[in-house]
Amino acid sequence: MKVKLWGVRGSIPTSGPDTEKYGGNTSCASVAYGDHLLVLDGGTGIRQCGGACSASNRIDILLTHLHLDHIQGLGFFSPLFDPSKEIHIWGPASSSQSLFSRISRYLSPPLFPVLLRDVPCKLELHEVSNSVFDIGPFRIQSSYIIHPGPTVGYRIMRENFVFTYIPDHEPALGSHGMIQNPKWVSGYDLAEGADVLLHDAQYTKEEYPIRRGWGHSSINDAGLFASITSAKHTLFAHHDPSHSDAFLEEMLASFKLSSDVSVALAMEGSEIELT
């Protein structure tokens, strides 16, 4: 099972020499095994991912939520315009509108020139909630997590290997910070014992208080979440667009939790193989 990161920036894409190392594309990752391919989120990173999908006749796109930085690359995902491709889009269910209606608000004029209903691929949409389902060789668990609007995280399993993807998450939201009882921690069931956890760590400890409730974590809270869930290795992601590569490395250097927590900064283009 191979994981590749195509975009790890949060909120809005950035470009320039200050963000060249860790990347400026917004959220997108892929998980591949043989000819089976999962694409996680449709941020601007999905454009480059599309060029690497030629061998897969079926592609499953798993959206965590529909904020613009997670879907703005969908219209530039080349397999959508290939009639030979079978594309399945999975996303969180809402009590007010269907997944198709909500995505179509972006993939339609005046925001985009092509209507979602007109893309030539074989397209199917699926709504998920607190669900467990299979796609090819993968068993996938989705659960609602703390973030504005319907939002899910994903736990992707194959045999004994687990990759957990929670790029937007605020598990410490509340008057007393993160609850220490795992039973009540948002996202715990998704991340427990994961081999690799990709988790939101957008802010420094000092930046977080005035942004409380925006749906994102400080690096300290992300580390605490990793410790509580006993994730084996954690990648801090959803990098703030105002944070340069040097600033991100200063954030990581100043982060201290405990020696048993293995952490690193998520980097666009990096690959992880779980074998």
C-alpha atoms as a PDB file:
ATOM      1  CA  MET A   1       0.000   0.000   0.000  1.00  0.00           C
ATOM      2  CA  LYS A   2       1.608   3.237  -1.153  1.00  0.00           C
ATOM      3  CA  VAL A   3       0.582   6.680   0.078  1.00  0.00           C
ATOM      4  CA  LYS A   4       1.556   9.803  -1.851  1.00  0.00           C
ATOM      5  CA  LEU A   5       0.961  13.400  -0.789  1.00  0.00           C
ATOM      6  CA  TRP A   6      -0.078  15.711  -3.626  1.00  0.00           C
ATOM      7  CA  GLY A   7      -1.066  18.760  -1.556  1.00  0.00           C
ATOM      8  CA  VAL A   8      -0.636  19.584   2.138  1.00  0.00           C
ATOM      9  CA  ARG A   9      -1.319  23.338   2.292  1.00  0.00           C
ATOM     10  CA  GLY A  10      -4.436  24.676   3.985  1.00  0.00           C
ATOM     11  CA  SER A  11      -7.044  27.342   3.170  1.00  0.00           C
ATOM     12  CA  ILE A  12      -5.618  28.677  -0.082  1.00  0.00           C
ATOM     13  CA  PRO A  13      -2.812  27.543  -2.424  1.00  0.00           C
ATOM     14  CA  THR A  14       0.485  29.366  -2.190  1.00  0.00           C
ATOM     15  CA  SER A  15       3.475  29.538  -4.475  1.00  0.00           C
ATOM     16  CA  GLY A  16       6.960  30.951  -4.389  1.00  0.00           C
ATOM     17  CA  PRO A  17      10.415  30.166  -3.044  1.00  0.00           C
ATOM     18  CA  ASP A  18       9.282  30.419   0.602  1.00  0.00           C
ATOM     19  CA  THR A  19       6.950  27.424   0.260  1.00  0.00           C
ATOM     20  CA  GLU A  20       8.865  25.378  -2.284  1.00  0.00           C
ATOM     21  CA  LYS A  21      10.074  22.652   0.107  1.00  0.00           C
ATOM     22  CA  TYR A  22       6.784  21.630   1.746  1.00  0.00           C
ATOM     23  CA  GLY A  23       4.592  22.701  -1.143  1.00  0.00           C
ATOM     24  CA  GLY A  24       1.798  25.125  -1.884  1.00  0.00           C
ATOM     25  CA  ASN A  25      -0.998  22.923  -3.247  1.00  0.00           C
ATOM     26  CA  THR A  26      -4.073  22.356  -1.091  1.00  0.00           C
ATOM     27  CA  SER A  27      -5.219  19.029   0.312  1.00  0.00           C
ATOM     28  CA  CYS A  28      -4.889  15.876  -1.754  1.00  0.00           C
ATOM     29  CA  ALA A  29      -3.340  12.453  -1.164  1.00  0.00           C
ATOM     30  CA  SER A  30      -3.549   9.093  -2.888  1.00  0.00           C
ATOM     31  CA  VAL A  31      -3.463   5.513  -1.660  1.00  0.00           C
ATOM     32  CA  ALA A  32      -2.578   2.857  -4.210  1.00  0.00           C
ATOM     33  CA  TYR A  33      -2.384  -0.917  -4.211  1.00  0.00           C
ATOM     34  CA  GLY A  34      -1.906  -2.633  -7.550  1.00  0.00           C
ATOM     35  CA  ASP A  35      -4.362  -1.073 -10.012  1.00  0.00           C
ATOM     36  CA  HIS A  36      -6.624   0.191  -7.242  1.00  0.00           C
ATOM     37  CA  LEU A  37      -6.439   3.892  -6.476  1.00  0.00           C
ATOM     38  CA  LEU A  38      -8.032   6.056  -3.815  1.00  0.00           C
ATOM     39  CA  VAL A  39      -7.729   9.848  -4.017  1.00  0.00           C
ATOM     40  CA  LEU A  40      -8.280  11.711  -0.772  1.00  0.00           C
ATOM     41  CA  ASP A  41      -9.710  15.207  -1.242  1.00  0.00           C
ATOM     42  CA  GLY A  42      -9.808  17.359  -4.352  1.00  0.00           C
ATOM     43  CA  GLY A  43      -7.665  20.368  -3.500  1.00  0.00           C
ATOM     44  CA  THR A  44      -5.322  21.861  -6.083  1.00  0.00           C
ATOM     45  CA  GLY A  45      -2.932  18.930  -5.609  1.00  0.00           C
ATOM     46  CA  ILE A  46      -5.387  16.668  -7.446  1.00  0.00           C
ATOM     47  CA  ARG A  47      -4.426  18.234 -10.794  1.00  0.00           C
ATOM     48  CA  GLN A  48      -0.989  16.612 -10.680  1.00  0.00           C
ATOM     49  CA  CYS A  49      -2.468  13.423  -9.279  1.00  0.00           C
ATOM     50  CA  GLY A  50      -4.713  13.148 -12.344  1.00  0.00           C
ATOM     51  CA  GLY A  51      -1.715  12.841 -14.609  1.00  0.00           C
ATOM     52  CA  ALA A  52      -0.554   9.784 -12.675  1.00  0.00           C
ATOM     53  CA  CYS A  53      -3.867   7.910 -12.951  1.00  0.00           C
ATOM     54  CA  SER A  54      -3.629   6.564 -16.486  1.00  0.00           C
ATOM     55  CA  ALA A  55      -3.317   2.911 -15.382  1.00  0.00           C
ATOM     56  CA  SER A  56      -6.483   2.926 -13.289  1.00  0.00           C
ATOM     57  CA  ASN A  57      -9.841   2.441 -15.014  1.00  0.00           C
ATOM     58  CA  ARG A  58     -11.711   3.093 -11.770  1.00  0.00           C
ATOM     59  CA  ILE A  59     -10.766   5.924  -9.420  1.00  0.00           C
ATOM     60  CA  ASP A  60     -12.436   6.615  -6.077  1.00  0.00           C
ATOM     61  CA  ILE A  61     -12.266  10.173  -4.709  1.00  0.00           C
ATOM     62  CA  LEU A  62     -12.950  10.445  -0.981  1.00  0.00           C
ATOM     63  CA  LEU A  63     -13.806  14.000   0.085  1.00  0.00           C
ATOM     64  CA  THR A  64     -13.526  14.937   3.748  1.00  0.00           C
ATOM     65  CA  HIS A  65     -15.758  18.010   3.288  1.00  0.00           C
ATOM     66  CA  LEU A  66     -16.668  20.625   0.712  1.00  0.00           C
ATOM     67  CA  HIS A  67     -14.719  23.716   1.746  1.00  0.00           C
ATOM     68  CA  LEU A  68     -13.169  25.251  -1.346  1.00  0.00           C
ATOM     69  CA  ASP A  69      -9.569  24.298  -0.578  1.00  0.00           C
ATOM     70  CA  HIS A  70     -10.652  20.634  -0.653  1.00  0.00           C
ATOM     71  CA  ILE A  71     -12.604  20.677  -3.924  1.00  0.00           C
ATOM     72  CA  GLN A  72     -11.126  23.510  -6.006  1.00  0.00           C
ATOM     73  CA  GLY A  73      -8.985  21.101  -8.031  1.00  0.00           C
ATOM     74  CA  LEU A  74     -11.817  18.742  -9.004  1.00  0.00           C
ATOM     75  CA  GLY A  75     -12.549  20.516 -12.270  1.00  0.00           C
ATOM     76  CA  PHE A  76      -8.897  20.105 -13.279  1.00  0.00           C
ATOM     77  CA  PHE A  77      -8.729  16.365 -12.551  1.00  0.00           C
ATOM     78  CA  SER A  78      -8.195  15.040 -16.077  1.00  0.00           C
ATOM     79  CA  PRO A  79      -9.824  11.584 -15.580  1.00  0.00           C
ATOM     80  CA  LEU A  80     -13.198  13.325 -15.115  1.00  0.00           C
ATOM     81  CA  PHE A  81     -13.052  14.196 -18.822  1.00  0.00           C
ATOM     82  CA  ASP A  82     -12.057  10.701 -20.001  1.00  0.00           C
ATOM     83  CA  PRO A  83     -15.108   8.640 -21.143  1.00  0.00           C
ATOM     84  CA  SER A  84     -13.223   5.398 -20.440  1.00  0.00           C
ATOM     85  CA  LYS A  85     -12.833   6.182 -16.733  1.00  0.00           C
ATOM     86  CA  GLU A  86     -15.195   5.176 -13.938  1.00  0.00           C
ATOM     87  CA  ILE A  87     -15.077   7.818 -11.205  1.00  0.00           C
ATOM     88  CA  HIS A  88     -16.718   7.428  -7.800  1.00  0.00           C
ATOM     89  CA  ILE A  89     -16.906  10.452  -5.516  1.00  0.00           C
ATOM     90  CA  TRP A  90     -17.567   9.811  -1.836  1.00  0.00           C
ATOM     91  CA  GLY A  91     -18.365  12.600   0.603  1.00  0.00           C
ATOM     92  CA  PRO A  92     -20.133  13.437   3.870  1.00  0.00           C
ATOM     93  CA  ALA A  93     -23.896  13.301   3.952  1.00  0.00           C
ATOM     94  CA  SER A  94     -25.803  16.480   4.830  1.00  0.00           C
ATOM     95  CA  SER A  95     -29.291  16.863   6.250  1.00  0.00           C
ATOM     96  CA  SER A  96     -30.105  19.715   3.868  1.00  0.00           C
ATOM     97  CA  GLN A  97     -28.771  18.915   0.358  1.00  0.00           C
ATOM     98  CA  SER A  98     -27.437  15.963  -1.590  1.00  0.00           C
ATOM     99  CA  LEU A  99     -23.726  15.573  -2.246  1.00  0.00           C
ATOM    100  CA  PHE A 100     -24.362  16.097  -5.970  1.00  0.00           C
ATOM    101  CA  SER A 101     -26.198  19.384  -5.334  1.00  0.00           C
ATOM    102  CA  ARG A 102     -23.469  20.708  -3.069  1.00  0.00           C
ATOM    103  CA  ILE A 103     -20.580  19.881  -5.401  1.00  0.00           C
ATOM    104  CA  SER A 104     -22.570  21.258  -8.344  1.00  0.00           C
ATOM    105  CA  ARG A 105     -22.690  24.666  -6.662  1.00  0.00           C
ATOM    106  CA  TYR A 106     -18.977  24.931  -7.440  1.00  0.00           C
ATOM    107  CA  LEU A 107     -18.784  22.916 -10.673  1.00  0.00           C
ATOM    108  CA  SER A 108     -21.251  25.115 -12.559  1.00  0.00           C
ATOM    109  CA  PRO A 109     -21.319  28.654 -14.003  1.00  0.00           C
ATOM    110  CA  PRO A 110     -20.409  31.290 -13.018  1.00  0.00           C
ATOM    111  CA  LEU A 111     -17.732  29.626 -10.855  1.00  0.00           C
ATOM    112  CA  PHE A 112     -16.767  26.931 -13.375  1.00  0.00           C
ATOM    113  CA  PRO A 113     -17.576  26.605 -17.099  1.00  0.00           C
ATOM    114  CA  VAL A 114     -18.478  22.886 -17.097  1.00  0.00           C
ATOM    115  CA  LEU A 115     -21.456  21.451 -15.232  1.00  0.00           C
ATOM    116  CA  LEU A 116     -20.788  18.401 -13.068  1.00  0.00           C
ATOM    117  CA  ARG A 117     -23.599  16.552 -14.858  1.00  0.00           C
ATOM    118  CA  ASP A 118     -21.839  17.079 -18.203  1.00  0.00           C
ATOM    119  CA  VAL A 119     -18.450  15.493 -17.448  1.00  0.00           C
ATOM    120  CA  PRO A 120     -17.996  12.554 -19.860  1.00  0.00           C
ATOM    121  CA  CYS A 121     -16.611   9.969 -17.426  1.00  0.00           C
ATOM    122  CA  LYS A 122     -18.843   7.328 -15.813  1.00  0.00           C
ATOM    123  CA  LEU A 123     -19.594   9.236 -12.604  1.00  0.00           C
ATOM    124  CA  GLU A 124     -21.227   7.971  -9.413  1.00  0.00           C
ATOM    125  CA  LEU A 125     -21.608   9.796  -6.095  1.00  0.00           C
ATOM    126  CA  HIS A 126     -21.898   8.170  -2.675  1.00  0.00           C
ATOM    127  CA  GLU A 127     -22.781   9.772   0.650  1.00  0.00           C
ATOM    128  CA  VAL A 128     -21.071   8.543   3.828  1.00  0.00           C
ATOM    129  CA  SER A 129     -21.538   9.263   7.510  1.00  0.00           C
ATOM    130  CA  ASN A 130     -20.294   7.093  10.378  1.00  0.00           C
ATOM    131  CA  SER A 131     -19.750   4.298   7.876  1.00  0.00           C
ATOM    132  CA  VAL A 132     -17.632   1.251   7.076  1.00  0.00           C
ATOM    133  CA  PHE A 133     -17.375   0.173   3.443  1.00  0.00           C
ATOM    134  CA  ASP A 134     -15.091  -1.646   1.013  1.00  0.00           C
ATOM    135  CA  ILE A 135     -13.479  -0.361  -2.167  1.00  0.00           C
ATOM    136  CA  GLY A 136     -11.453  -3.051  -3.933  1.00  0.00           C
ATOM    137  CA  PRO A 137      -8.824  -4.334  -1.478  1.00  0.00           C
ATOM    138  CA  PHE A 138      -9.413  -1.494   0.992  1.00  0.00           C
ATOM    139  CA  ARG A 139     -11.672  -1.449   4.031  1.00  0.00           C
ATOM    140  CA  ILE A 140     -12.580   2.157   4.824  1.00  0.00           C
ATOM    141  CA  GLN A 141     -14.063   3.705   7.927  1.00  0.00           C
ATOM    142  CA  SER A 142     -15.474   7.229   7.879  1.00  0.00           C
ATOM    143  CA  SER A 143     -16.601   9.216  10.908  1.00  0.00           C
ATOM    144  CA  TYR A 144     -17.882  12.736  11.462  1.00  0.00           C
ATOM    145  CA  ILE A 145     -15.313  14.951  13.189  1.00  0.00           C
ATOM    146  CA  ILE A 146     -15.192  18.453  14.669  1.00  0.00           C
ATOM    147  CA  HIS A 147     -14.954  20.964  11.813  1.00  0.00           C
ATOM    148  CA  PRO A 148     -17.487  23.537  10.493  1.00  0.00           C
ATOM    149  CA  GLY A 149     -20.016  21.911   8.167  1.00  0.00           C
ATOM    150  CA  PRO A 150     -20.428  18.157   7.551  1.00  0.00           C
ATOM    151  CA  THR A 151     -16.881  16.783   7.721  1.00  0.00           C
ATOM    152  CA  VAL A 152     -15.498  13.255   7.968  1.00  0.00           C
ATOM    153  CA  GLY A 153     -12.091  11.726   8.444  1.00  0.00           C
ATOM    154  CA  TYR A 154     -11.026   8.425   6.875  1.00  0.00           C
ATOM    155  CA  ARG A 155      -9.307   5.323   8.210  1.00  0.00           C
ATOM    156  CA  ILE A 156      -7.993   3.254   5.291  1.00  0.00           C
ATOM    157  CA  MET A 157      -7.090  -0.350   6.049  1.00  0.00           C
ATOM    158  CA  ARG A 158      -5.544  -3.146   4.028  1.00  0.00           C
ATOM    159  CA  GLU A 159      -4.552  -6.312   5.856  1.00  0.00           C
ATOM    160  CA  ASN A 160      -2.759  -5.037   8.993  1.00  0.00           C
ATOM    161  CA  PHE A 161      -1.799  -1.598   7.684  1.00  0.00           C
ATOM    162  CA  VAL A 162      -3.684   1.600   8.532  1.00  0.00           C
ATOM    163  CA  PHE A 163      -3.457   5.101   7.066  1.00  0.00           C
ATOM    164  CA  THR A 164      -5.631   7.742   8.731  1.00  0.00           C
ATOM    165  CA  TYR A 165      -6.425  10.981   6.941  1.00  0.00           C
ATOM    166  CA  ILE A 166      -7.805  13.893   9.001  1.00  0.00           C
ATOM    167  CA  PRO A 167      -6.505  17.104   7.379  1.00  0.00           C
ATOM    168  CA  ASP A 168      -9.077  19.461   8.988  1.00  0.00           C
ATOM    169  CA  HIS A 169      -9.893  18.824  12.646  1.00  0.00           C
ATOM    170  CA  GLU A 170     -10.260  20.656  15.955  1.00  0.00           C
ATOM    171  CA  PRO A 171     -10.487  17.943  18.643  1.00  0.00           C
ATOM    172  CA  ALA A 172      -9.483  20.391  21.405  1.00  0.00           C
ATOM    173  CA  LEU A 173     -12.486  22.671  20.852  1.00  0.00           C
ATOM    174  CA  GLY A 174     -14.179  23.245  24.195  1.00  0.00           C
ATOM    175  CA  SER A 175     -13.812  25.199  27.415  1.00  0.00           C
ATOM    176  CA  HIS A 176     -11.212  22.799  28.853  1.00  0.00           C
ATOM    177  CA  GLY A 177      -9.315  21.773  25.736  1.00  0.00           C
ATOM    178  CA  MET A 178      -9.007  18.179  24.607  1.00  0.00           C
ATOM    179  CA  ILE A 179     -10.888  15.611  26.672  1.00  0.00           C
ATOM    180  CA  GLN A 180      -8.509  13.013  28.070  1.00  0.00           C
ATOM    181  CA  ASN A 181     -11.016  10.146  27.933  1.00  0.00           C
ATOM    182  CA  PRO A 182     -10.429   8.550  24.498  1.00  0.00           C
ATOM    183  CA  LYS A 183     -14.071   7.521  24.254  1.00  0.00           C
ATOM    184  CA  TRP A 184     -15.067  11.162  23.840  1.00  0.00           C
ATOM    185  CA  VAL A 185     -12.206  12.495  21.683  1.00  0.00           C
ATOM    186  CA  SER A 186     -13.328  13.433  18.178  1.00  0.00           C
ATOM    187  CA  GLY A 187     -11.641  11.207  15.601  1.00  0.00           C
ATOM    188  CA  TYR A 188     -10.191   8.747  18.130  1.00  0.00           C
ATOM    189  CA  ASP A 189     -11.753   5.723  16.456  1.00  0.00           C
ATOM    190  CA  LEU A 190     -10.202   6.725  13.127  1.00  0.00           C
ATOM    191  CA  ALA A 191      -6.659   7.271  14.388  1.00  0.00           C
ATOM    192  CA  GLU A 192      -6.262   4.634  17.100  1.00  0.00           C
ATOM    193  CA  GLY A 193      -3.023   2.730  16.482  1.00  0.00           C
ATOM    194  CA  ALA A 194      -2.659   3.995  12.897  1.00  0.00           C
ATOM    195  CA  ASP A 195       0.628   3.239  11.172  1.00  0.00           C
ATOM    196  CA  VAL A 196       0.545   6.713   9.615  1.00  0.00           C
ATOM    197  CA  LEU A 197      -1.725   9.557  10.717  1.00  0.00           C
ATOM    198  CA  LEU A 198      -1.990  12.728   8.638  1.00  0.00           C
ATOM    199  CA  HIS A 199      -3.501  15.398  10.875  1.00  0.00           C
ATOM    200  CA  ASP A 200      -4.291  19.103  10.890  1.00  0.00           C
ATOM    201  CA  ALA A 201      -1.640  21.214  12.663  1.00  0.00           C
ATOM    202  CA  GLN A 202      -2.237  24.605  11.083  1.00  0.00           C
ATOM    203  CA  TYR A 203      -1.377  26.902  13.999  1.00  0.00           C
ATOM    204  CA  THR A 204       1.244  27.493  16.616  1.00  0.00           C
ATOM    205  CA  LYS A 205       0.191  27.346  20.237  1.00  0.00           C
ATOM    206  CA  GLU A 206       0.222  31.160  20.294  1.00  0.00           C
ATOM    207  CA  GLU A 207      -1.826  31.576  17.097  1.00  0.00           C
ATOM    208  CA  TYR A 208      -4.593  29.182  18.068  1.00  0.00           C
ATOM    209  CA  PRO A 209      -6.567  31.056  20.803  1.00  0.00           C
ATOM    210  CA  ILE A 210      -7.865  33.848  18.532  1.00  0.00           C
ATOM    211  CA  ARG A 211      -8.747  31.248  15.875  1.00  0.00           C
ATOM    212  CA  ARG A 212     -10.581  28.885  18.195  1.00  0.00           C
ATOM    213  CA  GLY A 213     -13.671  27.473  16.495  1.00  0.00           C
ATOM    214  CA  TRP A 214     -12.292  27.845  12.971  1.00  0.00           C
ATOM    215  CA  GLY A 215     -11.940  24.061  12.738  1.00  0.00           C
ATOM    216  CA  HIS A 216      -8.164  23.649  12.921  1.00  0.00           C
ATOM    217  CA  SER A 217      -5.587  22.524  15.472  1.00  0.00           C
ATOM    218  CA  SER A 218      -2.465  23.906  17.003  1.00  0.00           C
ATOM    219  CA  ILE A 219       0.625  21.773  16.537  1.00  0.00           C
ATOM    220  CA  ASN A 220       0.576  21.017  20.271  1.00  0.00           C
ATOM    221  CA  ASP A 221      -3.018  19.777  20.173  1.00  0.00           C
ATOM    222  CA  ALA A 222      -2.245  17.699  17.075  1.00  0.00           C
ATOM    223  CA  GLY A 223       0.656  16.103  18.928  1.00  0.00           C
ATOM    224  CA  LEU A 224      -1.522  15.422  21.953  1.00  0.00           C
ATOM    225  CA  PHE A 225      -4.116  13.793  19.689  1.00  0.00           C
ATOM    226  CA  ALA A 226      -1.372  11.591  18.205  1.00  0.00           C
ATOM    227  CA  SER A 227      -0.269  10.587  21.691  1.00  0.00           C
ATOM    228  CA  ILE A 228      -3.801   9.801  22.920  1.00  0.00           C
ATOM    229  CA  THR A 229      -4.525   7.664  19.842  1.00  0.00           C
ATOM    230  CA  SER A 230      -1.141   5.879  19.937  1.00  0.00           C
ATOM    231  CA  ALA A 231      -0.536   6.618  16.261  1.00  0.00           C
ATOM    232  CA  LYS A 232       2.837   5.173  15.260  1.00  0.00           C
ATOM    233  CA  HIS A 233       3.864   8.089  13.025  1.00  0.00           C
ATOM    234  CA  THR A 234       2.130  11.433  12.536  1.00  0.00           C
ATOM    235  CA  LEU A 235       2.449  13.898   9.666  1.00  0.00           C
ATOM    236  CA  PHE A 236       1.482  17.466  10.562  1.00  0.00           C
ATOM    237  CA  ALA A 237      -0.443  18.970   7.636  1.00  0.00           C
ATOM    238  CA  HIS A 238      -2.825  21.701   6.453  1.00  0.00           C
ATOM    239  CA  HIS A 239       0.044  24.182   6.630  1.00  0.00           C
ATOM    240  CA  ASP A 240      -1.115  27.774   7.007  1.00  0.00           C
ATOM    241  CA  PRO A 241      -0.655  29.775   3.779  1.00  0.00           C
ATOM    242  CA  SER A 242       1.243  32.452   5.715  1.00  0.00           C
ATOM    243  CA  HIS A 243       3.786  29.956   7.080  1.00  0.00           C
ATOM    244  CA  SER A 244       7.007  29.671   5.104  1.00  0.00           C
ATOM    245  CA  ASP A 245       9.134  26.526   4.996  1.00  0.00           C
ATOM    246  CA  ALA A 246      11.478  28.047   7.563  1.00  0.00           C
ATOM    247  CA  PHE A 247       8.571  28.943   9.858  1.00  0.00           C
ATOM    248  CA  LEU A 248       7.166  25.401   9.644  1.00  0.00           C
ATOM    249  CA  GLU A 249      10.537  23.974  10.641  1.00  0.00           C
ATOM    250  CA  GLU A 250      10.702  26.393  13.575  1.00  0.00           C
ATOM    251  CA  MET A 251       7.226  25.208  14.622  1.00  0.00           C
ATOM    252  CA  LEU A 252       8.359  21.598  14.567  1.00  0.00           C
ATOM    253  CA  ALA A 253      11.593  22.364  16.396  1.00  0.00           C
ATOM    254  CA  SER A 254       9.717  24.131  19.188  1.00  0.00           C
ATOM    255  CA  PHE A 255       7.170  21.320  19.481  1.00  0.00           C
ATOM    256  CA  LYS A 256       7.717  19.142  22.531  1.00  0.00           C
ATOM    257  CA  LEU A 257       5.404  16.481  23.835  1.00  0.00           C
ATOM    258  CA  SER A 258       7.015  13.148  24.617  1.00  0.00           C
ATOM    259  CA  SER A 259       9.699  10.952  23.158  1.00  0.00           C
ATOM    260  CA  ASP A 260       7.203   8.222  22.211  1.00  0.00           C
ATOM    261  CA  VAL A 261       5.438  10.439  19.647  1.00  0.00           C
ATOM    262  CA  SER A 262       6.961  10.189  16.163  1.00  0.00           C
ATOM    263  CA  VAL A 263       6.152  13.293  14.108  1.00  0.00           C
ATOM    264  CA  ALA A 264       7.208  15.064  10.922  1.00  0.00           C
ATOM    265  CA  LEU A 265       5.965  17.801   8.612  1.00  0.00           C
ATOM    266  CA  ALA A 266       3.854  16.603   5.682  1.00  0.00           C
ATOM    267  CA  MET A 267       5.665  17.386   2.439  1.00  0.00           C
ATOM    268  CA  GLU A 268       4.091  17.641  -1.007  1.00  0.00           C
ATOM    269  CA  GLY A 269       5.400  14.909  -3.314  1.00  0.00           C
ATOM    270  CA  SER A 270       6.544  12.570  -0.531  1.00  0.00           C
ATOM    271  CA  GLU A 271       5.700   8.875  -0.662  1.00  0.00           C
ATOM    272  CA  ILE A 272       5.200   6.347   2.130  1.00  0.00           C
ATOM    273  CA  GLU A 273       5.070   2.628   1.475  1.00  0.00           C
ATOM    274  CA  LEU A 274       3.376   0.396   4.053  1.00  0.00           C
ATOM    275  CA  THR A 275       4.658  -3.137   3.468  1.00  0.00           C
END
